Structure formats: structure tokens, C-alpha cells
Amino acid sequence: DFMLLLCASLQGRVFEEENVTAVQLLAGDNVEICRDLDAASFSQHNPVPDFIHCR
């Protein structure tokens, strides 16, 4: 239970720091990139490799 509480509270800190302008300039924003795309562009190839299944 302690580890779960620790991880949840640290994640809360990260969420708060993501909204700080200085952090957004250094680390980049956390905005969905697909919301600006139209339906036709969803069929385009994604050049980013799949890091979950590449072993």
C-alpha cells in the first residue's frame, strides 16, 4: 500500500510540473498530435518504431 501511495503522489507532482511554462519549454508539451489530423491522414505510415514489440 505504501508503494502505491508513493507512486501516486509522485505522479501527482509530475502532473503539476507539466503545467509550468518553464518545464513545457524544456521538455515539450504533452498535447495529442492526432487531434489536428483529418480522417484521411490516419491511414498514413507512422515512421516511429514500435518500442513495445521490438525485441
Protein backbone atom coordinates (compact mmCIF):
# COMPACT_ATOMS: atom_id res chain seq x y z
CA ASP A 1 0.00 0.00 0.00
CA PHE A 2 2.84 2.37 0.80
CA MET A 3 4.48 1.93 -2.60
CA LEU A 4 1.17 2.57 -4.37
CA LEU A 5 0.64 5.75 -2.37
CA LEU A 6 4.21 6.85 -3.06
CA CYS A 7 3.91 6.31 -6.81
CA ALA A 8 0.52 8.02 -6.99
CA SER A 9 1.74 11.07 -5.08
CA LEU A 10 4.87 11.36 -7.22
CA GLN A 11 2.75 11.10 -10.36
CA GLY A 12 0.60 13.94 -9.00
CA ARG A 13 3.74 16.07 -8.69
CA VAL A 14 4.65 15.30 -12.30
CA PHE A 15 1.18 16.35 -13.48
CA GLU A 16 1.54 19.65 -11.62
CA GLU A 17 5.01 20.32 -13.04
CA GLU A 18 3.87 19.58 -16.61
CA ASN A 19 1.67 22.70 -16.45
CA VAL A 20 4.60 25.01 -15.62
CA THR A 21 5.70 27.04 -18.64
CA ALA A 22 9.42 26.60 -17.98
CA VAL A 23 9.04 22.82 -17.90
CA GLN A 24 7.00 22.85 -21.11
CA LEU A 25 9.75 24.80 -22.86
CA LEU A 26 12.45 22.36 -21.73
CA ALA A 27 10.59 19.06 -22.05
CA GLY A 28 7.97 19.87 -24.68
CA ASP A 29 4.23 19.93 -24.33
CA ASN A 30 2.01 16.92 -23.80
CA VAL A 31 -0.59 17.60 -26.48
CA GLU A 32 -2.30 14.96 -28.59
CA ILE A 33 -0.84 15.17 -32.07
CA CYS A 34 -3.66 13.29 -33.76
CA ARG A 35 -6.39 15.80 -32.88
CA ASP A 36 -5.20 18.16 -35.62
CA LEU A 37 -5.21 15.45 -38.29
CA ASP A 38 -8.08 14.75 -40.62
CA ALA A 39 -9.54 11.28 -41.13
CA ALA A 40 -7.64 10.70 -44.39
CA SER A 41 -4.27 11.19 -42.73
CA PHE A 42 -4.85 8.37 -40.23
CA SER A 43 -4.00 5.84 -42.92
CA GLN A 44 -0.51 7.27 -43.37
CA HIS A 45 2.51 5.27 -42.25
CA ASN A 46 3.83 6.11 -38.80
CA PRO A 47 7.66 6.28 -39.03
CA VAL A 48 8.18 5.82 -35.28
CA PRO A 49 9.25 2.25 -34.45
CA ASP A 50 7.05 0.19 -32.17
CA PHE A 51 9.08 0.02 -28.96
CA ILE A 52 6.72 -2.37 -27.18
CA HIS A 53 7.04 -5.35 -29.51
CA CYS A 54 10.60 -4.92 -30.82
CA ARG A 55 12.86 -7.37 -29.02
